[in-house]
């Protein structure tokens, strides 16, 4: 699992790669913390290359969404497909996020 963070003007893009499983979740959550510092901005998480996300990863996404809402920013998930889309649908998380 890898997360690459880029700043674009007044927003941030996190590009997610690989599997976010129980072993990789702590690294993922650390990456999200660096985005949460800027939760007052627009944040996009590009999931095109994300293959899997576990419950700890989902929890991290939900926390980032809450942080963004509390600080007046926004969180958008893009390119959500395949297994990740199935997991979000099964858990009901698909209704909680702005997915484009």
PDB file of N, CA and C in Angstrom:
ATOM      1  N   UNK A   1       0.843  -1.181   0.000  1.00  0.00           N
ATOM      2  CA  UNK A   1       0.000   0.000   0.000  1.00  0.00           C
ATOM      3  C   UNK A   1       0.875   1.226   0.000  1.00  0.00           C
ATOM      4  N   UNK A   2       0.468   2.185  -0.753  1.00  0.00           N
ATOM      5  CA  UNK A   2       1.194   3.434  -0.837  1.00  0.00           C
ATOM      6  C   UNK A   2       0.190   4.557  -1.023  1.00  0.00           C
ATOM      7  N   UNK A   3       0.504   5.712  -0.453  1.00  0.00           N
ATOM      8  CA  UNK A   3      -0.314   6.903  -0.671  1.00  0.00           C
ATOM      9  C   UNK A   3       0.627   8.030  -1.076  1.00  0.00           C
ATOM     10  N   UNK A   4       0.336   8.612  -2.206  1.00  0.00           N
ATOM     11  CA  UNK A   4       1.126   9.728  -2.728  1.00  0.00           C
ATOM     12  C   UNK A   4       0.264  10.980  -2.632  1.00  0.00           C
ATOM     13  N   UNK A   5       0.770  12.002  -1.978  1.00  0.00           N
ATOM     14  CA  UNK A   5      -0.001  13.215  -1.756  1.00  0.00           C
ATOM     15  C   UNK A   5       0.585  14.346  -2.584  1.00  0.00           C
ATOM     16  N   UNK A   6      -0.296  15.007  -3.329  1.00  0.00           N
ATOM     17  CA  UNK A   6       0.106  16.129  -4.169  1.00  0.00           C
ATOM     18  C   UNK A   6      -0.762  17.332  -3.836  1.00  0.00           C
ATOM     19  N   UNK A   7      -0.157  18.502  -3.820  1.00  0.00           N
ATOM     20  CA  UNK A   7      -0.922  19.731  -3.648  1.00  0.00           C
ATOM     21  C   UNK A   7      -1.176  20.320  -5.020  1.00  0.00           C
ATOM     22  N   UNK A   8      -2.437  20.675  -5.275  1.00  0.00           N
ATOM     23  CA  UNK A   8      -2.809  21.303  -6.538  1.00  0.00           C
ATOM     24  C   UNK A   8      -3.596  22.561  -6.214  1.00  0.00           C
ATOM     25  N   UNK A   9      -2.943  23.710  -6.392  1.00  0.00           N
ATOM     26  CA  UNK A   9      -3.538  25.003  -6.049  1.00  0.00           C
ATOM     27  C   UNK A   9      -3.966  24.996  -4.582  1.00  0.00           C
ATOM     28  N   UNK A  10      -5.249  25.114  -4.326  1.00  0.00           N
ATOM     29  CA  UNK A  10      -5.745  25.173  -2.949  1.00  0.00           C
ATOM     30  C   UNK A  10      -6.393  23.850  -2.526  1.00  0.00           C
ATOM     31  N   UNK A  11      -6.001  22.759  -3.151  1.00  0.00           N
ATOM     32  CA  UNK A  11      -6.568  21.452  -2.801  1.00  0.00           C
ATOM     33  C   UNK A  11      -5.451  20.410  -2.755  1.00  0.00           C
ATOM     34  N   UNK A  12      -5.814  19.234  -2.259  1.00  0.00           N
ATOM     35  CA  UNK A  12      -4.859  18.143  -2.122  1.00  0.00           C
ATOM     36  C   UNK A  12      -5.424  16.885  -2.769  1.00  0.00           C
ATOM     37  N   UNK A  13      -4.541  16.129  -3.407  1.00  0.00           N
ATOM     38  CA  UNK A  13      -4.921  14.859  -4.023  1.00  0.00           C
ATOM     39  C   UNK A  13      -4.077  13.763  -3.384  1.00  0.00           C
ATOM     40  N   UNK A  14      -4.751  12.747  -2.869  1.00  0.00           N
ATOM     41  CA  UNK A  14      -4.068  11.565  -2.359  1.00  0.00           C
ATOM     42  C   UNK A  14      -4.305  10.428  -3.337  1.00  0.00           C
ATOM     43  N   UNK A  15      -3.253   9.895  -3.903  1.00  0.00           N
ATOM     44  CA  UNK A  15      -3.371   8.785  -4.848  1.00  0.00           C
ATOM     45  C   UNK A  15      -3.060   7.504  -4.088  1.00  0.00           C
ATOM     46  N   UNK A  16      -4.043   6.603  -4.058  1.00  0.00           N
ATOM     47  CA  UNK A  16      -3.921   5.368  -3.279  1.00  0.00           C
ATOM     48  C   UNK A  16      -3.533   4.222  -4.200  1.00  0.00           C
ATOM     49  N   UNK A  17      -2.560   3.420  -3.746  1.00  0.00           N
ATOM     50  CA  UNK A  17      -2.060   2.292  -4.534  1.00  0.00           C
ATOM     51  C   UNK A  17      -2.136   1.009  -3.712  1.00  0.00           C
ATOM     52  N   UNK A  18      -2.481  -0.094  -4.351  1.00  0.00           N
ATOM     53  CA  UNK A  18      -2.346  -1.415  -3.747  1.00  0.00           C
ATOM     54  C   UNK A  18      -3.454  -1.821  -2.807  1.00  0.00           C
ATOM     55  N   UNK A  19      -3.060  -2.555  -1.773  1.00  0.00           N
ATOM     56  CA  UNK A  19      -3.997  -3.131  -0.802  1.00  0.00           C
ATOM     57  C   UNK A  19      -3.875  -2.398   0.525  1.00  0.00           C
ATOM     58  N   UNK A  20      -5.008  -2.029   1.095  1.00  0.00           N
ATOM     59  CA  UNK A  20      -5.030  -1.530   2.463  1.00  0.00           C
ATOM     60  C   UNK A  20      -5.658  -2.638   3.290  1.00  0.00           C
ATOM     61  N   UNK A  21      -4.797  -3.496   3.838  1.00  0.00           N
ATOM     62  CA  UNK A  21      -5.266  -4.579   4.700  1.00  0.00           C
ATOM     63  C   UNK A  21      -4.837  -4.276   6.129  1.00  0.00           C
ATOM     64  N   UNK A  22      -5.079  -5.200   7.039  1.00  0.00           N
ATOM     65  CA  UNK A  22      -4.772  -4.974   8.454  1.00  0.00           C
ATOM     66  C   UNK A  22      -3.303  -4.641   8.664  1.00  0.00           C
ATOM     67  N   UNK A  23      -2.424  -5.286   7.940  1.00  0.00           N
ATOM     68  CA  UNK A  23      -0.990  -5.036   8.091  1.00  0.00           C
ATOM     69  C   UNK A  23      -0.582  -3.664   7.553  1.00  0.00           C
ATOM     70  N   UNK A  24      -1.243  -3.202   6.511  1.00  0.00           N
ATOM     71  CA  UNK A  24      -0.893  -1.937   5.865  1.00  0.00           C
ATOM     72  C   UNK A  24      -1.676  -0.747   6.415  1.00  0.00           C
ATOM     73  N   UNK A  25      -2.738  -1.002   7.173  1.00  0.00           N
ATOM     74  CA  UNK A  25      -3.615   0.073   7.641  1.00  0.00           C
ATOM     75  C   UNK A  25      -2.885   1.143   8.460  1.00  0.00           C
ATOM     76  N   UNK A  26      -1.973   0.792   9.373  1.00  0.00           N
ATOM     77  CA  UNK A  26      -1.292   1.853  10.133  1.00  0.00           C
ATOM     78  C   UNK A  26      -0.546   2.851   9.237  1.00  0.00           C
ATOM     79  N   UNK A  27       0.110   2.363   8.198  1.00  0.00           N
ATOM     80  CA  UNK A  27       0.804   3.239   7.259  1.00  0.00           C
ATOM     81  C   UNK A  27      -0.205   4.131   6.530  1.00  0.00           C
ATOM     82  N   UNK A  28      -1.331   3.565   6.132  1.00  0.00           N
ATOM     83  CA  UNK A  28      -2.382   4.318   5.457  1.00  0.00           C
ATOM     84  C   UNK A  28      -2.933   5.413   6.374  1.00  0.00           C
ATOM     85  N   UNK A  29      -3.187   5.059   7.631  1.00  0.00           N
ATOM     86  CA  UNK A  29      -3.739   6.024   8.581  1.00  0.00           C
ATOM     87  C   UNK A  29      -2.763   7.176   8.820  1.00  0.00           C
ATOM     88  N   UNK A  30      -1.473   6.899   8.832  1.00  0.00           N
ATOM     89  CA  UNK A  30      -0.467   7.964   8.953  1.00  0.00           C
ATOM     90  C   UNK A  30      -0.527   8.903   7.744  1.00  0.00           C
ATOM     91  N   UNK A  31      -0.694   8.334   6.567  1.00  0.00           N
ATOM     92  CA  UNK A  31      -0.829   9.155   5.362  1.00  0.00           C
ATOM     93  C   UNK A  31      -2.067  10.037   5.415  1.00  0.00           C
ATOM     94  N   UNK A  32      -3.150   9.496   5.946  1.00  0.00           N
ATOM     95  CA  UNK A  32      -4.381  10.280   6.068  1.00  0.00           C
ATOM     96  C   UNK A  32      -4.229  11.407   7.079  1.00  0.00           C
ATOM     97  N   UNK A  33      -3.418  11.179   8.110  1.00  0.00           N
ATOM     98  CA  UNK A  33      -3.182  12.237   9.101  1.00  0.00           C
ATOM     99  C   UNK A  33      -2.542  13.462   8.454  1.00  0.00           C
ATOM    100  N   UNK A  34      -1.647  13.232   7.519  1.00  0.00           N
ATOM    101  CA  UNK A  34      -1.028  14.370   6.843  1.00  0.00           C
ATOM    102  C   UNK A  34      -2.043  15.119   5.978  1.00  0.00           C
ATOM    103  N   UNK A  35      -3.042  14.422   5.484  1.00  0.00           N
ATOM    104  CA  UNK A  35      -4.126  15.102   4.765  1.00  0.00           C
ATOM    105  C   UNK A  35      -5.080  15.801   5.730  1.00  0.00           C
ATOM    106  N   UNK A  36      -5.305  15.211   6.899  1.00  0.00           N
ATOM    107  CA  UNK A  36      -6.238  15.781   7.876  1.00  0.00           C
ATOM    108  C   UNK A  36      -5.764  17.148   8.370  1.00  0.00           C
ATOM    109  N   UNK A  37      -4.459  17.370   8.359  1.00  0.00           N
ATOM    110  CA  UNK A  37      -3.920  18.682   8.731  1.00  0.00           C
ATOM    111  C   UNK A  37      -4.487  19.763   7.817  1.00  0.00           C
ATOM    112  N   UNK A  38      -4.786  19.378   6.589  1.00  0.00           N
ATOM    113  CA  UNK A  38      -5.326  20.307   5.592  1.00  0.00           C
ATOM    114  C   UNK A  38      -6.810  20.048   5.319  1.00  0.00           C
ATOM    115  N   UNK A  39      -7.519  19.573   6.331  1.00  0.00           N
ATOM    116  CA  UNK A  39      -8.928  19.211   6.149  1.00  0.00           C
ATOM    117  C   UNK A  39      -9.824  20.414   5.885  1.00  0.00           C
ATOM    118  N   UNK A  40      -9.297  21.619   6.034  1.00  0.00           N
ATOM    119  CA  UNK A  40     -10.080  22.812   5.703  1.00  0.00           C
ATOM    120  C   UNK A  40     -10.063  23.096   4.201  1.00  0.00           C
ATOM    121  N   UNK A  41      -9.325  22.296   3.468  1.00  0.00           N
ATOM    122  CA  UNK A  41      -9.218  22.431   2.005  1.00  0.00           C
ATOM    123  C   UNK A  41     -10.037  21.330   1.314  1.00  0.00           C
ATOM    124  N   UNK A  42     -10.055  21.359  -0.007  1.00  0.00           N
ATOM    125  CA  UNK A  42     -10.673  20.293  -0.785  1.00  0.00           C
ATOM    126  C   UNK A  42      -9.675  19.148  -0.910  1.00  0.00           C
ATOM    127  N   UNK A  43     -10.116  17.953  -0.580  1.00  0.00           N
ATOM    128  CA  UNK A  43      -9.267  16.768  -0.648  1.00  0.00           C
ATOM    129  C   UNK A  43      -9.912  15.757  -1.578  1.00  0.00           C
ATOM    130  N   UNK A  44      -9.119  15.249  -2.503  1.00  0.00           N
ATOM    131  CA  UNK A  44      -9.561  14.189  -3.411  1.00  0.00           C
ATOM    132  C   UNK A  44      -8.700  12.961  -3.153  1.00  0.00           C
ATOM    133  N   UNK A  45      -9.345  11.820  -2.974  1.00  0.00           N
ATOM    134  CA  UNK A  45      -8.627  10.556  -2.879  1.00  0.00           C
ATOM    135  C   UNK A  45      -8.891   9.781  -4.160  1.00  0.00           C
ATOM    136  N   UNK A  46      -7.844   9.606  -4.951  1.00  0.00           N
ATOM    137  CA  UNK A  46      -7.935   8.888  -6.219  1.00  0.00           C
ATOM    138  C   UNK A  46      -7.729   7.398  -5.949  1.00  0.00           C
ATOM    139  N   UNK A  47      -8.775   6.621  -6.151  1.00  0.00           N
ATOM    140  CA  UNK A  47      -8.771   5.188  -5.819  1.00  0.00           C
ATOM    141  C   UNK A  47      -8.571   4.290  -7.035  1.00  0.00           C
ATOM    142  N   UNK A  48      -8.178   4.868  -8.156  1.00  0.00           N
ATOM    143  CA  UNK A  48      -8.056   4.086  -9.388  1.00  0.00           C
ATOM    144  C   UNK A  48      -7.128   2.882  -9.227  1.00  0.00           C
ATOM    145  N   UNK A  49      -6.039   3.039  -8.487  1.00  0.00           N
ATOM    146  CA  UNK A  49      -5.058   1.959  -8.339  1.00  0.00           C
ATOM    147  C   UNK A  49      -5.175   1.247  -6.994  1.00  0.00           C
ATOM    148  N   UNK A  50      -6.239   1.547  -6.268  1.00  0.00           N
ATOM    149  CA  UNK A  50      -6.496   0.868  -5.002  1.00  0.00           C
ATOM    150  C   UNK A  50      -7.230  -0.432  -5.294  1.00  0.00           C
ATOM    151  N   UNK A  51      -6.701  -1.535  -4.786  1.00  0.00           N
ATOM    152  CA  UNK A  51      -7.264  -2.851  -5.087  1.00  0.00           C
ATOM    153  C   UNK A  51      -8.151  -3.405  -3.978  1.00  0.00           C
ATOM    154  N   UNK A  52      -7.910  -2.972  -2.740  1.00  0.00           N
ATOM    155  CA  UNK A  52      -8.658  -3.522  -1.598  1.00  0.00           C
ATOM    156  C   UNK A  52      -8.546  -2.555  -0.427  1.00  0.00           C
ATOM    157  N   UNK A  53      -9.594  -2.504   0.406  1.00  0.00           N
ATOM    158  CA  UNK A  53      -9.549  -1.708   1.634  1.00  0.00           C
ATOM    159  C   UNK A  53     -10.263  -2.467   2.748  1.00  0.00           C
ATOM    160  N   UNK A  54      -9.607  -2.572   3.903  1.00  0.00           N
ATOM    161  CA  UNK A  54     -10.169  -3.293   5.046  1.00  0.00           C
ATOM    162  C   UNK A  54     -10.966  -2.328   5.923  1.00  0.00           C
ATOM    163  N   UNK A  55     -11.549  -2.845   6.987  1.00  0.00           N
ATOM    164  CA  UNK A  55     -12.387  -2.029   7.866  1.00  0.00           C
ATOM    165  C   UNK A  55     -11.590  -0.905   8.540  1.00  0.00           C
ATOM    166  N   UNK A  56     -10.326  -1.150   8.882  1.00  0.00           N
ATOM    167  CA  UNK A  56      -9.508  -0.080   9.466  1.00  0.00           C
ATOM    168  C   UNK A  56      -9.285   1.049   8.466  1.00  0.00           C
ATOM    169  N   UNK A  57      -9.117   0.699   7.209  1.00  0.00           N
ATOM    170  CA  UNK A  57      -8.978   1.704   6.168  1.00  0.00           C
ATOM    171  C   UNK A  57     -10.257   2.505   5.997  1.00  0.00           C
ATOM    172  N   UNK A  58     -11.391   1.814   6.050  1.00  0.00           N
ATOM    173  CA  UNK A  58     -12.681   2.499   5.954  1.00  0.00           C
ATOM    174  C   UNK A  58     -12.864   3.470   7.115  1.00  0.00           C
ATOM    175  N   UNK A  59     -12.446   3.037   8.277  1.00  0.00           N
ATOM    176  CA  UNK A  59     -12.532   3.890   9.470  1.00  0.00           C
ATOM    177  C   UNK A  59     -11.696   5.156   9.270  1.00  0.00           C
ATOM    178  N   UNK A  60     -10.520   5.010   8.688  1.00  0.00           N
ATOM    179  CA  UNK A  60      -9.676   6.162   8.401  1.00  0.00           C
ATOM    180  C   UNK A  60     -10.322   7.127   7.422  1.00  0.00           C
ATOM    181  N   UNK A  61     -10.970   6.583   6.396  1.00  0.00           N
ATOM    182  CA  UNK A  61     -11.679   7.435   5.432  1.00  0.00           C
ATOM    183  C   UNK A  61     -12.802   8.202   6.108  1.00  0.00           C
ATOM    184  N   UNK A  62     -13.531   7.508   6.973  1.00  0.00           N
ATOM    185  CA  UNK A  62     -14.638   8.149   7.676  1.00  0.00           C
ATOM    186  C   UNK A  62     -14.123   9.262   8.587  1.00  0.00           C
ATOM    187  N   UNK A  63     -13.008   9.031   9.267  1.00  0.00           N
ATOM    188  CA  UNK A  63     -12.436  10.061  10.132  1.00  0.00           C
ATOM    189  C   UNK A  63     -11.997  11.274   9.322  1.00  0.00           C
ATOM    190  N   UNK A  64     -11.390  11.047   8.161  1.00  0.00           N
ATOM    191  CA  UNK A  64     -10.985  12.162   7.308  1.00  0.00           C
ATOM    192  C   UNK A  64     -12.202  12.941   6.831  1.00  0.00           C
ATOM    193  N   UNK A  65     -13.276  12.244   6.527  1.00  0.00           N
ATOM    194  CA  UNK A  65     -14.525  12.914   6.122  1.00  0.00           C
ATOM    195  C   UNK A  65     -15.046  13.786   7.256  1.00  0.00           C
ATOM    196  N   UNK A  66     -15.042  13.260   8.481  1.00  0.00           N
ATOM    197  CA  UNK A  66     -15.504  14.027   9.643  1.00  0.00           C
ATOM    198  C   UNK A  66     -14.616  15.239   9.881  1.00  0.00           C
ATOM    199  N   UNK A  67     -13.303  15.059   9.769  1.00  0.00           N
ATOM    200  CA  UNK A  67     -12.366  16.171   9.942  1.00  0.00           C
ATOM    201  C   UNK A  67     -12.615  17.255   8.901  1.00  0.00           C
ATOM    202  N   UNK A  68     -12.837  16.840   7.660  1.00  0.00           N
ATOM    203  CA  UNK A  68     -13.104  17.802   6.586  1.00  0.00           C
ATOM    204  C   UNK A  68     -14.388  18.569   6.837  1.00  0.00           C
ATOM    205  N   UNK A  69     -15.423  17.872   7.245  1.00  0.00           N
ATOM    206  CA  UNK A  69     -16.701  18.528   7.514  1.00  0.00           C
ATOM    207  C   UNK A  69     -16.564  19.517   8.680  1.00  0.00           C
ATOM    208  N   UNK A  70     -15.823  19.133   9.710  1.00  0.00           N
ATOM    209  CA  UNK A  70     -15.664  19.990  10.885  1.00  0.00           C
ATOM    210  C   UNK A  70     -14.855  21.246  10.578  1.00  0.00           C
ATOM    211  N   UNK A  71     -13.932  21.152   9.633  1.00  0.00           N
ATOM    212  CA  UNK A  71     -13.049  22.278   9.320  1.00  0.00           C
ATOM    213  C   UNK A  71     -13.491  23.057   8.082  1.00  0.00           C
ATOM    214  N   UNK A  72     -14.615  22.675   7.493  1.00  0.00           N
ATOM    215  CA  UNK A  72     -15.140  23.406   6.341  1.00  0.00           C
ATOM    216  C   UNK A  72     -14.555  22.999   5.008  1.00  0.00           C
ATOM    217  N   UNK A  73     -13.854  21.885   4.965  1.00  0.00           N
ATOM    218  CA  UNK A  73     -13.299  21.389   3.706  1.00  0.00           C
ATOM    219  C   UNK A  73     -14.229  20.384   3.060  1.00  0.00           C
ATOM    220  N   UNK A  74     -13.707  19.652   2.098  1.00  0.00           N
ATOM    221  CA  UNK A  74     -14.510  18.618   1.448  1.00  0.00           C
ATOM    222  C   UNK A  74     -13.628  17.420   1.127  1.00  0.00           C
ATOM    223  N   UNK A  75     -14.252  16.270   1.037  1.00  0.00           N
ATOM    224  CA  UNK A  75     -13.561  15.035   0.669  1.00  0.00           C
ATOM    225  C   UNK A  75     -14.326  14.367  -0.454  1.00  0.00           C
ATOM    226  N   UNK A  76     -13.616  14.057  -1.529  1.00  0.00           N
ATOM    227  CA  UNK A  76     -14.195  13.384  -2.688  1.00  0.00           C
ATOM    228  C   UNK A  76     -13.363  12.141  -2.976  1.00  0.00           C
ATOM    229  N   UNK A  77     -14.033  11.038  -3.247  1.00  0.00           N
ATOM    230  CA  UNK A  77     -13.363   9.819  -3.696  1.00  0.00           C
ATOM    231  C   UNK A  77     -13.582   9.712  -5.197  1.00  0.00           C
ATOM    232  N   UNK A  78     -12.503   9.486  -5.947  1.00  0.00           N
ATOM    233  CA  UNK A  78     -12.633   9.364  -7.398  1.00  0.00           C
ATOM    234  C   UNK A  78     -12.133   8.004  -7.861  1.00  0.00           C
ATOM    235  N   UNK A  79     -12.601   7.594  -9.016  1.00  0.00           N
ATOM    236  CA  UNK A  79     -12.186   6.348  -9.670  1.00  0.00           C
ATOM    237  C   UNK A  79     -12.370   5.134  -8.760  1.00  0.00           C
ATOM    238  N   UNK A  80     -13.488   5.088  -8.072  1.00  0.00           N
ATOM    239  CA  UNK A  80     -13.789   3.952  -7.198  1.00  0.00           C
ATOM    240  C   UNK A  80     -14.409   2.859  -8.058  1.00  0.00           C
ATOM    241  N   UNK A  81     -13.693   1.733  -8.168  1.00  0.00           N
ATOM    242  CA  UNK A  81     -14.143   0.663  -9.048  1.00  0.00           C
ATOM    243  C   UNK A  81     -13.858  -0.702  -8.437  1.00  0.00           C
ATOM    244  N   UNK A  82     -14.327  -1.733  -9.090  1.00  0.00           N
ATOM    245  CA  UNK A  82     -13.986  -3.112  -8.756  1.00  0.00           C
ATOM    246  C   UNK A  82     -14.271  -3.501  -7.311  1.00  0.00           C
ATOM    247  N   UNK A  83     -13.299  -4.160  -6.689  1.00  0.00           N
ATOM    248  CA  UNK A  83     -13.442  -4.690  -5.338  1.00  0.00           C
ATOM    249  C   UNK A  83     -13.691  -3.581  -4.319  1.00  0.00           C
ATOM    250  N   UNK A  84     -13.033  -2.458  -4.483  1.00  0.00           N
ATOM    251  CA  UNK A  84     -13.211  -1.346  -3.542  1.00  0.00           C
ATOM    252  C   UNK A  84     -14.646  -0.838  -3.598  1.00  0.00           C
ATOM    253  N   UNK A  85     -15.199  -0.728  -4.779  1.00  0.00           N
ATOM    254  CA  UNK A  85     -16.592  -0.280  -4.920  1.00  0.00           C
ATOM    255  C   UNK A  85     -17.544  -1.287  -4.277  1.00  0.00           C
ATOM    256  N   UNK A  86     -17.255  -2.575  -4.447  1.00  0.00           N
ATOM    257  CA  UNK A  86     -18.084  -3.619  -3.821  1.00  0.00           C
ATOM    258  C   UNK A  86     -18.044  -3.508  -2.300  1.00  0.00           C
ATOM    259  N   UNK A  87     -16.853  -3.283  -1.760  1.00  0.00           N
ATOM    260  CA  UNK A  87     -16.701  -3.172  -0.314  1.00  0.00           C
ATOM    261  C   UNK A  87     -17.451  -1.947   0.208  1.00  0.00           C
ATOM    262  N   UNK A  88     -17.320  -0.828  -0.470  1.00  0.00           N
ATOM    263  CA  UNK A  88     -18.046   0.371  -0.053  1.00  0.00           C
ATOM    264  C   UNK A  88     -19.558   0.154  -0.126  1.00  0.00           C
ATOM    265  N   UNK A  89     -20.020  -0.551  -1.140  1.00  0.00           N
ATOM    266  CA  UNK A  89     -21.448  -0.820  -1.281  1.00  0.00           C
ATOM    267  C   UNK A  89     -21.937  -1.778  -0.189  1.00  0.00           C
ATOM    268  N   UNK A  90     -21.169  -2.846   0.051  1.00  0.00           N
ATOM    269  CA  UNK A  90     -21.557  -3.844   1.063  1.00  0.00           C
ATOM    270  C   UNK A  90     -21.649  -3.240   2.457  1.00  0.00           C
ATOM    271  N   UNK A  91     -20.760  -2.332   2.766  1.00  0.00           N
ATOM    272  CA  UNK A  91     -20.713  -1.746   4.103  1.00  0.00           C
ATOM    273  C   UNK A  91     -21.629  -0.536   4.254  1.00  0.00           C
ATOM    274  N   UNK A  92     -22.188  -0.059   3.161  1.00  0.00           N
ATOM    275  CA  UNK A  92     -23.036   1.127   3.201  1.00  0.00           C
ATOM    276  C   UNK A  92     -22.240   2.428   3.144  1.00  0.00           C
ATOM    277  N   UNK A  93     -20.920   2.321   3.081  1.00  0.00           N
ATOM    278  CA  UNK A  93     -20.073   3.511   3.031  1.00  0.00           C
ATOM    279  C   UNK A  93     -20.245   4.280   1.729  1.00  0.00           C
ATOM    280  N   UNK A  94     -20.718   3.614   0.710  1.00  0.00           N
ATOM    281  CA  UNK A  94     -20.882   4.266  -0.591  1.00  0.00           C
ATOM    282  C   UNK A  94     -21.877   5.435  -0.489  1.00  0.00           C
ATOM    283  N   UNK A  95     -22.800   5.350   0.469  1.00  0.00           N
ATOM    284  CA  UNK A  95     -23.788   6.403   0.674  1.00  0.00           C
ATOM    285  C   UNK A  95     -23.224   7.571   1.480  1.00  0.00           C
ATOM    286  N   UNK A  96     -22.104   7.351   2.160  1.00  0.00           N
ATOM    287  CA  UNK A  96     -21.537   8.365   3.049  1.00  0.00           C
ATOM    288  C   UNK A  96     -20.584   9.333   2.357  1.00  0.00           C
ATOM    289  N   UNK A  97     -20.083   8.934   1.190  1.00  0.00           N
ATOM    290  CA  UNK A  97     -19.047   9.710   0.532  1.00  0.00           C
ATOM    291  C   UNK A  97     -19.522  10.285  -0.791  1.00  0.00           C
ATOM    292  N   UNK A  98     -18.903  11.411  -1.158  1.00  0.00           N
ATOM    293  CA  UNK A  98     -19.078  11.990  -2.480  1.00  0.00           C
ATOM    294  C   UNK A  98     -18.132  11.223  -3.394  1.00  0.00           C
ATOM    295  N   UNK A  99     -18.700  10.393  -4.275  1.00  0.00           N
ATOM    296  CA  UNK A  99     -17.896   9.540  -5.154  1.00  0.00           C
ATOM    297  C   UNK A  99     -18.108   9.996  -6.593  1.00  0.00           C
ATOM    298  N   UNK A 100     -16.998  10.250  -7.269  1.00  0.00           N
ATOM    299  CA  UNK A 100     -17.061  10.713  -8.662  1.00  0.00           C
ATOM    300  C   UNK A 100     -16.219   9.842  -9.537  1.00  0.00           C
TER     301      UNK A 100
END
